[in-house]
Amino acid sequence: MKFAKLLILVFFVGVSSGYGQNTPAPVKQGGVLRWTDNCVRCAMGNHRWRAVDGTCYFPIDLIEKTGYHRVYRWTKTGRRKTRTILVAKGEFKNEDFKDFEKKEYVNVSAANQRRQRREQAQIWPLFTRPETKPLFTLPLGKPANPLPATEGNFGAYRTFDGSPRNRHTGTDYPIGTGQPVLSMADGKVVLTANHFFGGNSVFVDHGNGLVTMYLHLSGFAVKKGDRVKKGQKIGEVGETGRATGPHLHLGVRWHNARIDPAVLLEDPAKLPALD
């Protein structure tokens, strides 16, 4: 009897911990996991969305809780399958900007704080728009040509003159002023604006809950409501807003998860995957 109870205990410990033959390689915070299995619908938590080219992609937010999570997929026959994934802690650098010249971004006035809150209220609804069919496939197109190596600062913990600021939710590319910035896929421009922190910014909705963001531009080549094609010029690199110099800040929200844009520029076969 004791042996039987021990077997039952081992079984439930194994199930609740998430270990087993179907446990995939960990996917880090800010990354994306794929599940290719003739998929039509996908889900994680209470959120469901369409598959892209028969594959379920699960974007993992920058601060997603580490540990085991359940994911789901449905095939064309209506069959549902459930698996467990392991979210691991991401590796993010620390950045401290000393003697930052634009002091209005270090000691932010009450008026600029109010402005920033108004701008955030304008931006947040863009990430929770009703789901539409995907207008893209992976990998996405490069936002500049040529595209230099990223500065590797997605998710960085930032301080300005020693004062802590919000995490860096995009990644920066060191590109010179005036260089063309390109849309990473077909889509619709849902916002062009000059923002306090982001400077001249363009937001493009590519369907399937994917929104790309291009910040600190010197100027715009599109306006809100425009339909754009992959590779189309949407603006030019600049250093507007809280920028340390000319560069492209590239951001991505996918199903409202803040992810590293660089992972969507690579062959999707390189993403961690479920068998």
Protein backbone atom coordinates (compact mmCIF):
# COMPACT_ATOMS: atom_id res chain seq x y z
CA MET A 1 0.00 0.00 0.00
CA LYS A 2 2.83 2.38 0.85
CA PHE A 3 4.51 1.57 -2.47
CA ALA A 4 1.30 2.38 -4.39
CA LYS A 5 0.96 5.71 -2.57
CA LEU A 6 4.57 6.52 -3.43
CA LEU A 7 3.93 5.83 -7.13
CA ILE A 8 0.87 8.12 -7.09
CA LEU A 9 2.86 10.89 -5.38
CA VAL A 10 5.69 10.64 -7.93
CA PHE A 11 3.18 10.78 -10.78
CA PHE A 12 1.49 13.96 -9.53
CA VAL A 13 4.77 15.67 -8.69
CA GLY A 14 5.97 14.97 -12.22
CA VAL A 15 2.79 16.34 -13.80
CA SER A 16 2.58 19.47 -11.67
CA SER A 17 6.25 20.34 -12.18
CA GLY A 18 5.87 20.23 -15.93
CA TYR A 19 8.67 17.74 -16.53
CA GLY A 20 8.20 14.98 -19.05
CA GLN A 21 9.08 13.88 -22.54
CA ASN A 22 7.18 16.81 -24.10
CA THR A 23 8.96 19.56 -22.16
CA PRO A 24 10.73 21.83 -24.69
CA ALA A 25 13.93 23.75 -24.40
CA PRO A 26 13.28 26.87 -22.32
CA VAL A 27 12.09 30.03 -24.04
CA LYS A 28 13.44 33.17 -22.44
CA GLN A 29 11.52 36.28 -21.46
CA GLY A 30 11.26 38.50 -24.54
CA GLY A 31 11.56 35.51 -26.89
CA VAL A 32 9.18 33.53 -29.11
CA LEU A 33 8.35 29.80 -29.11
CA ARG A 34 6.91 28.02 -32.16
CA TRP A 35 4.67 24.97 -32.54
CA THR A 36 4.35 23.68 -36.09
CA ASP A 37 1.59 21.11 -36.41
CA ASN A 38 -0.96 22.11 -39.09
CA CYS A 39 -2.28 24.72 -36.67
CA VAL A 40 -5.19 27.10 -37.24
CA ARG A 41 -5.70 28.56 -33.74
CA CYS A 42 -3.40 29.06 -30.76
CA ALA A 43 -3.82 30.03 -27.13
CA MET A 44 -1.85 30.85 -24.02
CA GLY A 45 -3.63 31.76 -20.83
CA ASN A 46 -6.96 33.39 -21.73
CA HIS A 47 -5.74 34.79 -25.05
CA ARG A 48 -6.44 33.09 -28.39
CA TRP A 49 -5.21 34.01 -31.88
CA ARG A 50 -4.78 32.71 -35.41
CA ALA A 51 -1.83 30.62 -36.50
CA VAL A 52 0.61 32.02 -39.09
CA ASP A 53 1.25 29.72 -42.04
CA GLY A 54 0.17 26.66 -40.06
CA THR A 55 2.40 27.51 -37.09
CA CYS A 56 1.50 28.72 -33.62
CA TYR A 57 3.90 31.36 -32.34
CA PHE A 58 3.90 32.14 -28.62
CA PRO A 59 5.53 35.52 -27.87
CA ILE A 60 6.79 35.75 -24.29
CA ASP A 61 6.61 39.16 -22.63
CA LEU A 62 9.69 40.88 -21.27
CA ILE A 63 8.50 40.34 -17.69
CA GLU A 64 6.43 37.15 -18.15
CA LYS A 65 6.40 35.03 -15.01
CA THR A 66 9.14 32.41 -15.15
CA GLY A 67 8.21 28.77 -14.79
CA TYR A 68 5.79 26.42 -16.49
CA HIS A 69 2.86 27.60 -18.64
CA ARG A 70 0.20 25.77 -20.65
CA VAL A 71 -0.22 26.45 -24.37
CA TYR A 72 -2.80 25.13 -26.82
CA ARG A 73 -3.27 24.65 -30.53
CA TRP A 74 -6.19 23.60 -32.75
CA THR A 75 -5.80 21.92 -36.16
CA LYS A 76 -8.04 22.17 -39.22
CA THR A 77 -9.92 19.08 -38.02
CA GLY A 78 -10.79 20.87 -34.78
CA ARG A 79 -8.51 18.71 -32.68
CA ARG A 80 -7.03 20.48 -29.65
CA LYS A 81 -3.66 19.65 -28.19
CA THR A 82 -2.12 20.98 -24.97
CA ARG A 83 1.52 21.24 -24.00
CA THR A 84 3.65 22.70 -21.23
CA ILE A 85 6.38 25.27 -21.92
CA LEU A 86 9.10 26.56 -19.64
CA VAL A 87 9.69 30.32 -19.49
CA ALA A 88 13.23 31.11 -18.36
CA LYS A 89 14.61 34.39 -17.07
CA GLY A 90 15.99 36.60 -19.81
CA GLU A 91 19.51 38.01 -19.85
CA PHE A 92 19.38 41.81 -19.87
CA LYS A 93 22.17 44.32 -19.52
CA ASN A 94 22.47 47.43 -17.36
CA GLU A 95 22.89 50.80 -19.05
CA ASP A 96 23.80 54.03 -17.25
CA PHE A 97 23.89 57.29 -19.20
CA LYS A 98 26.09 59.75 -17.37
CA ASP A 99 26.05 63.51 -18.00
CA PHE A 100 23.09 63.11 -20.35
CA GLU A 101 22.91 66.35 -22.32
CA LYS A 102 19.14 66.57 -22.71
CA LYS A 103 18.43 67.42 -19.07
CA GLU A 104 14.69 67.81 -19.67
CA TYR A 105 14.62 63.99 -19.97
CA VAL A 106 16.47 63.47 -16.70
CA ASN A 107 14.53 65.91 -14.53
CA VAL A 108 11.15 65.66 -16.20
CA SER A 109 8.86 68.62 -15.53
CA ALA A 110 5.28 68.20 -14.34
CA ALA A 111 4.05 69.47 -17.71
CA ASN A 112 6.09 66.87 -19.61
CA GLN A 113 4.95 64.13 -17.23
CA ARG A 114 1.35 65.04 -18.06
CA ARG A 115 2.22 65.06 -21.76
CA GLN A 116 3.79 61.61 -21.50
CA ARG A 117 0.69 60.21 -19.79
CA ARG A 118 -1.53 61.60 -22.57
CA GLU A 119 0.71 60.01 -25.16
CA GLN A 120 0.65 56.64 -23.40
CA ALA A 121 -3.15 56.78 -23.32
CA GLN A 122 -2.99 57.22 -27.11
CA ILE A 123 -0.59 54.32 -27.60
CA TRP A 124 -1.98 51.57 -25.32
CA PRO A 125 -5.17 50.88 -27.35
CA LEU A 126 -3.01 50.04 -30.40
CA PHE A 127 -1.86 46.83 -28.71
CA THR A 128 -5.34 45.52 -27.91
CA ARG A 129 -7.09 46.12 -31.23
CA PRO A 130 -9.47 43.38 -32.47
CA GLU A 131 -7.59 40.50 -34.06
CA THR A 132 -7.26 40.49 -37.86
CA LYS A 133 -5.64 38.04 -40.24
CA PRO A 134 -1.84 38.15 -40.45
CA LEU A 135 -0.41 40.27 -43.26
CA PHE A 136 3.09 38.88 -42.73
CA THR A 137 5.19 35.76 -42.69
CA LEU A 138 8.40 35.15 -40.77
CA PRO A 139 11.10 36.23 -40.92
CA LEU A 140 10.10 39.90 -41.07
CA GLY A 141 11.92 42.29 -43.38
CA LYS A 142 14.82 44.39 -42.19
CA PRO A 143 13.89 47.92 -41.05
CA ALA A 144 16.96 49.36 -42.79
CA ASN A 145 19.26 48.31 -45.62
CA PRO A 146 21.97 47.60 -44.75
CA LEU A 147 21.09 46.76 -41.15
CA PRO A 148 24.00 46.83 -38.69
CA ALA A 149 24.22 44.55 -35.67
CA THR A 150 21.88 45.43 -32.83
CA GLU A 151 23.31 47.11 -29.76
CA GLY A 152 21.91 44.18 -27.76
CA ASN A 153 20.04 46.40 -25.33
CA PHE A 154 16.54 44.95 -25.51
CA GLY A 155 15.11 44.81 -21.99
CA ALA A 156 18.03 46.77 -20.53
CA TYR A 157 17.78 48.19 -17.02
CA ARG A 158 18.46 51.90 -17.50
CA THR A 159 19.60 54.79 -15.37
CA PHE A 160 20.22 58.39 -16.39
CA ASP A 161 22.82 60.14 -14.26
CA GLY A 162 22.24 57.37 -11.73
CA SER A 163 18.46 57.81 -11.62
CA PRO A 164 16.51 54.61 -12.50
CA ARG A 165 14.14 54.74 -15.48
CA ASN A 166 11.80 52.28 -17.18
CA ARG A 167 13.15 49.19 -18.93
CA HIS A 168 14.21 49.54 -22.56
CA THR A 169 11.46 47.67 -24.40
CA GLY A 170 12.94 47.85 -27.89
CA THR A 171 16.34 47.32 -29.45
CA ASP A 172 18.61 49.98 -30.94
CA TYR A 173 20.44 49.93 -34.26
CA PRO A 174 23.31 52.41 -34.82
CA ILE A 175 22.25 53.98 -38.11
CA GLY A 176 23.15 57.46 -39.35
CA THR A 177 20.79 60.41 -39.58
CA GLY A 178 18.65 60.52 -42.70
CA GLN A 179 18.92 56.84 -43.60
CA PRO A 180 15.61 55.34 -44.79
CA VAL A 181 13.53 53.38 -42.29
CA LEU A 182 11.51 50.55 -43.86
CA SER A 183 8.30 48.79 -42.87
CA MET A 184 9.07 45.24 -41.76
CA ALA A 185 5.93 43.82 -43.41
CA ASP A 186 2.69 44.78 -45.11
CA GLY A 187 0.36 46.63 -42.78
CA LYS A 188 -1.54 49.76 -41.85
CA VAL A 189 -0.05 52.84 -40.21
CA VAL A 190 -2.07 53.29 -37.03
CA LEU A 191 -0.15 56.22 -35.55
CA THR A 192 2.42 58.84 -36.51
CA ALA A 193 3.25 61.37 -33.83
CA ASN A 194 5.93 63.34 -32.06
CA HIS A 195 6.20 61.96 -28.52
CA PHE A 196 8.14 63.28 -25.57
CA PHE A 197 10.33 60.22 -25.06
CA GLY A 198 10.03 58.48 -28.45
CA GLY A 199 10.37 61.59 -30.60
CA ASN A 200 8.98 61.20 -34.11
CA SER A 201 7.39 57.74 -34.06
CA VAL A 202 5.58 55.45 -36.51
CA PHE A 203 3.39 52.51 -35.44
CA VAL A 204 2.36 49.88 -38.02
CA ASP A 205 -0.27 47.17 -37.46
CA HIS A 206 0.50 43.98 -39.43
CA GLY A 207 -2.51 41.95 -38.32
CA ASN A 208 -2.50 38.96 -35.95
CA GLY A 209 -1.80 41.32 -33.05
CA LEU A 210 1.65 42.31 -34.40
CA VAL A 211 2.58 45.99 -34.10
CA THR A 212 6.02 47.36 -35.02
CA MET A 213 7.30 50.70 -33.71
CA TYR A 214 10.00 52.95 -35.16
CA LEU A 215 11.18 55.74 -32.83
CA HIS A 216 13.44 58.83 -32.80
CA LEU A 217 12.92 59.50 -36.52
CA SER A 218 13.97 62.74 -38.15
CA GLY A 219 10.86 62.78 -40.33
CA PHE A 220 7.89 60.83 -41.69
CA ALA A 221 7.24 59.36 -45.12
CA VAL A 222 3.74 58.08 -44.18
CA LYS A 223 0.71 59.22 -42.23
CA LYS A 224 -1.92 57.56 -40.07
CA GLY A 225 -4.25 55.41 -42.14
CA ASP A 226 -1.77 54.65 -44.92
CA ARG A 227 -1.41 51.10 -46.18
CA VAL A 228 2.23 50.12 -46.50
CA LYS A 229 4.12 47.27 -48.14
CA LYS A 230 7.05 45.29 -46.80
CA GLY A 231 10.23 47.25 -47.44
CA GLN A 232 8.41 50.56 -48.05
CA LYS A 233 10.05 53.69 -46.67
CA ILE A 234 8.11 55.05 -43.70
CA GLY A 235 10.60 57.62 -42.36
CA GLU A 236 14.22 58.52 -41.80
CA VAL A 237 16.60 57.86 -38.91
CA GLY A 238 17.08 60.72 -36.45
CA GLU A 239 17.67 61.51 -32.79
CA THR A 240 14.41 63.13 -31.71
CA GLY A 241 13.06 62.57 -28.20
CA ARG A 242 15.20 60.99 -25.49
CA ALA A 243 17.98 59.78 -27.78
CA THR A 244 21.69 59.70 -27.05
CA GLY A 245 22.51 60.16 -30.75
CA PRO A 246 21.29 59.10 -34.21
CA HIS A 247 19.89 55.56 -34.19
CA LEU A 248 16.77 53.53 -34.89
CA HIS A 249 14.83 52.32 -31.88
CA LEU A 250 12.82 49.33 -33.06
CA GLY A 251 10.01 47.94 -30.93
CA VAL A 252 7.60 45.03 -31.36
CA ARG A 253 4.39 44.10 -29.58
CA TRP A 254 2.89 40.75 -30.53
CA HIS A 255 -0.35 39.78 -28.80
CA ASN A 256 0.56 42.59 -26.42
CA ALA A 257 3.84 40.90 -25.45
CA ARG A 258 6.99 43.01 -25.57
CA ILE A 259 9.53 40.91 -27.44
CA ASP A 260 13.01 41.36 -28.88
CA PRO A 261 12.51 42.46 -32.52
CA ALA A 262 15.78 40.78 -33.51
CA VAL A 263 14.29 37.27 -33.07
CA LEU A 264 11.72 37.98 -35.81
CA LEU A 265 14.44 38.87 -38.32
CA GLU A 266 15.97 35.39 -38.16
CA ASP A 267 14.85 32.15 -39.79
CA PRO A 268 11.91 30.98 -37.63
CA ALA A 269 13.43 27.49 -37.65
CA LYS A 270 15.98 28.89 -35.18
CA LEU A 271 13.29 29.68 -32.60
CA PRO A 272 12.84 27.30 -29.66
CA ALA A 273 10.13 24.83 -30.62
CA LEU A 274 7.71 22.17 -29.45
CA ASP A 275 8.06 18.82 -31.22
